[in-house]
Protein backbone atom coordinates (compact mmCIF):
# COMPACT_ATOMS: atom_id res chain seq x y z
CA UNK A 1 44.48 -42.81 -56.41
CA UNK A 2 45.45 -39.06 -55.12
CA UNK A 3 45.97 -37.91 -58.85
CA UNK A 4 42.69 -39.23 -59.63
CA UNK A 5 41.05 -37.33 -56.29
CA UNK A 6 42.95 -34.13 -57.47
CA UNK A 7 41.78 -34.38 -61.23
CA UNK A 8 38.08 -34.89 -59.76
CA UNK A 9 38.39 -31.65 -57.40
CA UNK A 10 39.79 -29.37 -60.19
CA UNK A 11 37.34 -29.71 -62.41
CA UNK A 12 34.38 -29.63 -59.73
CA UNK A 13 33.12 -33.15 -60.17
CA UNK A 14 31.56 -35.21 -57.99
CA UNK A 15 33.74 -38.01 -55.92
CA UNK A 16 31.98 -41.42 -56.69
CA UNK A 17 31.23 -43.68 -53.95
CA UNK A 18 33.33 -46.46 -55.19
CA UNK A 19 36.25 -43.94 -55.04
CA UNK A 20 35.21 -43.02 -51.61
CA UNK A 21 35.58 -46.35 -50.50
CA UNK A 22 38.74 -47.27 -52.21
CA UNK A 23 40.05 -44.15 -50.24
CA UNK A 24 38.50 -45.42 -46.85
CA UNK A 25 40.52 -48.39 -47.37
CA UNK A 26 43.76 -47.31 -48.35
CA UNK A 27 43.43 -45.19 -45.52
CA UNK A 28 42.40 -47.42 -42.68
CA UNK A 29 45.92 -48.36 -41.63
CA UNK A 30 46.48 -44.53 -40.95
CA UNK A 31 43.14 -44.27 -39.15
CA UNK A 32 44.20 -47.11 -36.60
CA UNK A 33 47.74 -45.58 -36.40
CA UNK A 34 46.25 -42.14 -35.36
CA UNK A 35 43.73 -44.02 -32.84
CA UNK A 36 46.42 -46.00 -31.39
CA UNK A 37 48.70 -42.89 -30.56
CA UNK A 38 46.00 -40.96 -28.87
CA UNK A 39 44.67 -44.06 -27.01
CA UNK A 40 48.10 -44.01 -25.35
CA UNK A 41 47.05 -40.91 -22.93
CA UNK A 42 43.26 -42.22 -22.73
CA UNK A 43 41.58 -43.93 -19.87
CA UNK A 44 40.84 -47.94 -20.55
CA UNK A 45 36.88 -47.19 -20.75
CA UNK A 46 37.05 -45.29 -23.94
CA UNK A 47 36.06 -47.31 -26.76
CA UNK A 48 38.64 -47.38 -29.38
CA UNK A 49 36.31 -48.73 -32.15
CA UNK A 50 34.24 -45.78 -31.87
CA UNK A 51 37.08 -43.33 -32.21
CA UNK A 52 37.99 -45.40 -35.28
CA UNK A 53 34.65 -44.99 -36.72
CA UNK A 54 35.25 -41.07 -35.99
CA UNK A 55 38.22 -41.13 -37.91
CA UNK A 56 36.69 -42.59 -40.75
CA UNK A 57 33.86 -39.93 -40.71
CA UNK A 58 36.68 -37.11 -40.36
CA UNK A 59 38.34 -38.96 -43.45
CA UNK A 60 34.99 -38.69 -45.50
CA UNK A 61 34.81 -34.96 -44.71
CA UNK A 62 38.65 -34.66 -45.79
CA UNK A 63 37.92 -36.09 -49.18
CA UNK A 64 34.46 -33.53 -49.41
CA UNK A 65 36.79 -30.71 -48.29
CA UNK A 66 40.15 -31.26 -50.11
CA UNK A 67 41.44 -28.32 -52.13
CA UNK A 68 44.27 -29.48 -54.35
CA UNK A 69 45.19 -25.55 -55.23
CA UNK A 70 46.55 -25.50 -51.50
CA UNK A 71 49.25 -27.70 -52.87
CA UNK A 72 48.96 -29.91 -50.19
CA UNK A 73 48.99 -33.77 -50.52
CA UNK A 74 45.85 -35.10 -49.52
CA UNK A 75 47.09 -37.91 -46.97
CA UNK A 76 48.63 -34.79 -45.18
CA UNK A 77 45.40 -32.99 -45.24
CA UNK A 78 43.46 -36.42 -43.88
CA UNK A 79 45.68 -36.76 -41.06
CA UNK A 80 44.72 -33.48 -39.80
CA UNK A 81 41.02 -33.90 -40.59
CA UNK A 82 40.86 -37.45 -38.73
CA UNK A 83 42.69 -36.03 -35.79
CA UNK A 84 40.67 -33.23 -35.67
CA UNK A 85 37.50 -35.37 -35.93
CA UNK A 86 38.56 -37.79 -32.84
CA UNK A 87 39.96 -35.10 -30.64
CA UNK A 88 36.49 -33.25 -30.65
CA UNK A 89 34.64 -36.61 -30.29
CA UNK A 90 36.63 -36.86 -27.06
CA UNK A 91 35.95 -33.27 -26.03
CA UNK A 92 32.13 -33.92 -26.85
CA UNK A 93 32.22 -37.16 -24.35
CA UNK A 94 33.98 -34.81 -21.48
CA UNK A 95 36.06 -37.62 -20.84
CA UNK A 96 38.12 -35.45 -18.72
CA UNK A 97 36.55 -34.86 -15.07
CA UNK A 98 36.76 -31.13 -14.11
CA UNK A 99 38.79 -32.11 -10.92
CA UNK A 100 41.52 -33.39 -13.46
CA UNK A 101 41.65 -30.02 -15.74
CA UNK A 102 42.05 -28.22 -12.29
CA UNK A 103 44.77 -30.44 -10.83
CA UNK A 104 46.53 -29.67 -14.61
CA UNK A 105 46.11 -26.02 -14.44
CA UNK A 106 47.40 -26.20 -10.54
CA UNK A 107 50.65 -27.70 -12.05
CA UNK A 108 51.00 -25.14 -14.89
CA UNK A 109 50.67 -22.48 -12.53
CA UNK A 110 53.43 -24.30 -10.25
CA UNK A 111 55.69 -24.71 -12.76
CA UNK A 112 55.14 -21.17 -14.25
CA UNK A 113 55.49 -19.70 -10.54
CA UNK A 114 58.62 -21.50 -9.59
CA UNK A 115 60.53 -21.02 -12.68
CA UNK A 116 59.68 -17.43 -12.72
CA UNK A 117 61.19 -17.18 -8.94
CA UNK A 118 64.46 -19.13 -9.99
CA UNK A 119 64.90 -17.64 -13.35
CA UNK A 120 65.86 -21.15 -14.75
CA UNK A 121 64.13 -24.64 -15.34
CA UNK A 122 62.92 -26.20 -12.39
CA UNK A 123 63.15 -29.79 -11.31
CA UNK A 124 60.74 -32.10 -9.93
CA UNK A 125 61.53 -31.64 -6.15
CA UNK A 126 61.24 -27.83 -6.59
CA UNK A 127 57.61 -28.11 -7.94
CA UNK A 128 56.51 -30.76 -5.64
CA UNK A 129 57.81 -28.61 -2.72
CA UNK A 130 55.97 -25.67 -3.85
CA UNK A 131 52.96 -27.70 -3.86
CA UNK A 132 53.80 -29.12 -0.70
CA UNK A 133 53.80 -32.63 -2.01
CA UNK A 134 56.08 -35.51 -1.39
CA UNK A 135 57.91 -36.64 -4.88
CA UNK A 136 55.74 -40.11 -5.19
CA UNK A 137 52.43 -37.83 -4.76
CA UNK A 138 53.97 -35.55 -7.05
CA UNK A 139 54.40 -38.26 -9.70
CA UNK A 140 50.96 -39.63 -8.88
CA UNK A 141 49.63 -36.38 -9.96
CA UNK A 142 51.54 -36.16 -12.80
CA UNK A 143 50.06 -39.33 -14.24
CA UNK A 144 46.73 -38.36 -13.24
CA UNK A 145 46.67 -35.30 -15.74
CA UNK A 146 48.95 -36.99 -18.67
CA UNK A 147 45.75 -37.27 -20.74
CA UNK A 148 44.86 -33.53 -20.75
CA UNK A 149 47.58 -32.56 -23.16
CA UNK A 150 45.76 -33.47 -26.24
CA UNK A 151 45.15 -30.76 -28.38
CA UNK A 152 43.29 -30.19 -31.71
CA UNK A 153 45.30 -28.84 -34.19
CA UNK A 154 42.59 -27.24 -36.13
CA UNK A 155 41.86 -24.91 -33.04
CA UNK A 156 44.77 -23.00 -34.46
CA UNK A 157 42.85 -21.35 -37.29
CA UNK A 158 41.86 -18.40 -35.81
CA UNK A 159 38.77 -16.38 -35.26
CA UNK A 160 37.35 -13.70 -37.15
CA UNK A 161 35.98 -10.38 -35.57
CA UNK A 162 32.72 -12.08 -34.81
CA UNK A 163 34.64 -15.00 -32.76
CA UNK A 164 33.57 -17.73 -35.32
CA UNK A 165 36.14 -19.96 -36.51
CA UNK A 166 36.71 -20.21 -40.22
CA UNK A 167 38.55 -22.25 -42.65
CA UNK A 168 40.67 -25.36 -41.77
CA UNK A 169 44.26 -26.54 -40.83
CA UNK A 170 45.01 -26.76 -44.98
CA UNK A 171 43.89 -22.89 -45.29
CA UNK A 172 47.24 -22.30 -43.54
CA UNK A 173 49.72 -24.59 -45.38
CA UNK A 174 52.09 -22.93 -47.63
CA UNK A 175 50.95 -22.16 -51.17
CA UNK A 176 54.51 -22.59 -53.13
CA UNK A 177 53.00 -20.13 -55.71
CA UNK A 178 52.42 -17.53 -53.40
CA UNK A 179 53.96 -15.80 -50.56
CA UNK A 180 52.23 -13.67 -47.89
CA UNK A 181 55.28 -11.64 -46.06
CA UNK A 182 53.38 -11.06 -43.42
CA UNK A 183 52.06 -14.60 -43.00
CA UNK A 184 55.83 -15.50 -43.59
CA UNK A 185 56.85 -13.59 -40.77
CA UNK A 186 54.37 -14.92 -38.11
CA UNK A 187 55.26 -18.40 -38.88
CA UNK A 188 58.55 -17.70 -38.65
CA UNK A 189 58.42 -15.39 -35.40
CA UNK A 190 56.20 -18.24 -33.82
CA UNK A 191 58.53 -20.89 -34.89
CA UNK A 192 61.03 -19.35 -33.04
CA UNK A 193 59.45 -18.96 -29.94
CA UNK A 194 58.48 -22.23 -29.71
CA UNK A 195 62.21 -23.28 -30.90
CA UNK A 196 63.59 -21.22 -28.06
CA UNK A 197 61.10 -22.44 -25.60
CA UNK A 198 61.88 -25.92 -26.14
CA UNK A 199 65.54 -25.23 -26.09
CA UNK A 200 64.71 -23.85 -22.30
CA UNK A 201 63.59 -27.52 -21.23
CA UNK A 202 65.76 -29.93 -19.33
CA UNK A 203 67.95 -32.20 -21.44
CA UNK A 204 65.68 -35.34 -21.04
CA UNK A 205 62.60 -33.41 -21.37
CA UNK A 206 63.82 -32.16 -24.78
CA UNK A 207 64.47 -35.62 -25.75
CA UNK A 208 61.30 -37.04 -25.12
CA UNK A 209 59.70 -33.90 -27.00
CA UNK A 210 61.88 -34.73 -29.90
CA UNK A 211 61.31 -38.25 -29.91
CA UNK A 212 57.64 -38.10 -29.67
CA UNK A 213 56.84 -35.29 -31.78
CA UNK A 214 59.58 -35.04 -34.53
CA UNK A 215 60.21 -38.93 -34.46
CA UNK A 216 57.16 -39.96 -34.15
CA UNK A 217 57.79 -42.95 -31.44
CA UNK A 218 55.24 -43.96 -29.05
CA UNK A 219 55.79 -43.91 -25.32
CA UNK A 220 56.76 -47.39 -25.24
CA UNK A 221 59.83 -46.84 -27.80
CA UNK A 222 60.87 -43.93 -26.23
CA UNK A 223 60.92 -45.87 -22.91
CA UNK A 224 63.01 -48.42 -24.59
CA UNK A 225 65.64 -45.71 -25.81
CA UNK A 226 65.91 -44.15 -22.95
CA UNK A 227 65.83 -47.29 -20.60
CA UNK A 228 63.01 -46.08 -18.48
CA UNK A 229 59.36 -47.45 -18.03
CA UNK A 230 56.58 -45.99 -20.56
CA UNK A 231 54.97 -44.65 -17.47
CA UNK A 232 58.08 -42.34 -16.48
CA UNK A 233 58.19 -41.26 -20.22
CA UNK A 234 54.37 -40.65 -19.89
CA UNK A 235 55.38 -38.18 -16.77
CA UNK A 236 58.16 -36.66 -18.60
CA UNK A 237 55.91 -35.55 -21.15
CA UNK A 238 53.30 -34.43 -18.96
CA UNK A 239 56.04 -31.98 -17.58
CA UNK A 240 57.36 -30.82 -20.62
CA UNK A 241 54.12 -30.02 -22.03
CA UNK A 242 52.95 -28.34 -18.70
CA UNK A 243 56.41 -26.45 -18.66
CA UNK A 244 56.18 -25.19 -22.40
CA UNK A 245 52.39 -24.19 -21.74
CA UNK A 246 53.57 -22.09 -18.94
CA UNK A 247 56.20 -20.49 -20.95
CA UNK A 248 54.40 -19.84 -23.91
CA UNK A 249 51.44 -18.48 -22.13
CA UNK A 250 53.65 -15.76 -20.62
CA UNK A 251 55.22 -15.13 -23.71
CA UNK A 252 51.97 -14.43 -25.69
CA UNK A 253 50.31 -12.47 -22.37
CA UNK A 254 53.29 -9.88 -22.61
C-alpha cells in the first residue's frame, strides 16, 4: 500500500478515497497505540475516543502532505503527524491547569539550583529539602506534574525570521541522496549534548528513560522489570524529565 501511495505522490496524482480508507484502516492499531501511550499521563476526564478521532485527522493530513522524495517511510511520517495532532488538541483543551504548570517550573528550577550548587545530580531528599517539603509531599508534587512532560515533536521544526513555523518534521529527516554538512554537524552536536546530559542522570532514571524512549515500553511494563509500582516509575520519569530540562536549558543559554 505504501508503494502505491509513493507512486501516486511521485506523479502528483490524487489519492483516491478508497485508498485513503484502506490506509486509515491499516493504521488504526498505530493510532490506538499512540493514544494509549499518551493516555498514561493524562487525567481520567480526557475522552480517549476524541483523541483517537484527532489521530485519524492527523493521519489524513499525513496522507495529503507525505513527500516520498524525503526518503522517509510513510509509517514513520504518519506517526509524527498523528502524535502532533493529538498533542495540539490536548494543548487547545488546556488540560493542564496553570497551577500545575507553575509547580512544574518550580520543580525544574529547584533541580537546576540544587545541582548547580552541588555540582552533581541531586537526590530526592535534597530537592525536597530545598523546597521545604517532606519526602511524601515531594512525591505528591511529582505525581501532580507528571503529565506536563508531553511535548509535540513538531515543535522542533524551528521558526523563520518572522517567527512563523515552517515545514514539518519530515523536513529534517535525513535525505540519503544529499548531505548538508552544517545540518549534520548541528544534529551531531545536539545528539552529543542530549547523550551527555542523559549520562549525568542517576542510574535508575537513565534506565527508565532508556526503557521508555528507546525500548518503547510503557510505565507498567517498566515497573514489572524494575520490581516497582507504575506510580513510582511515573515519579522517576518525571524527575528525569525535569532534570534534563534544567540541564539542557542551562547549556543552550550559555
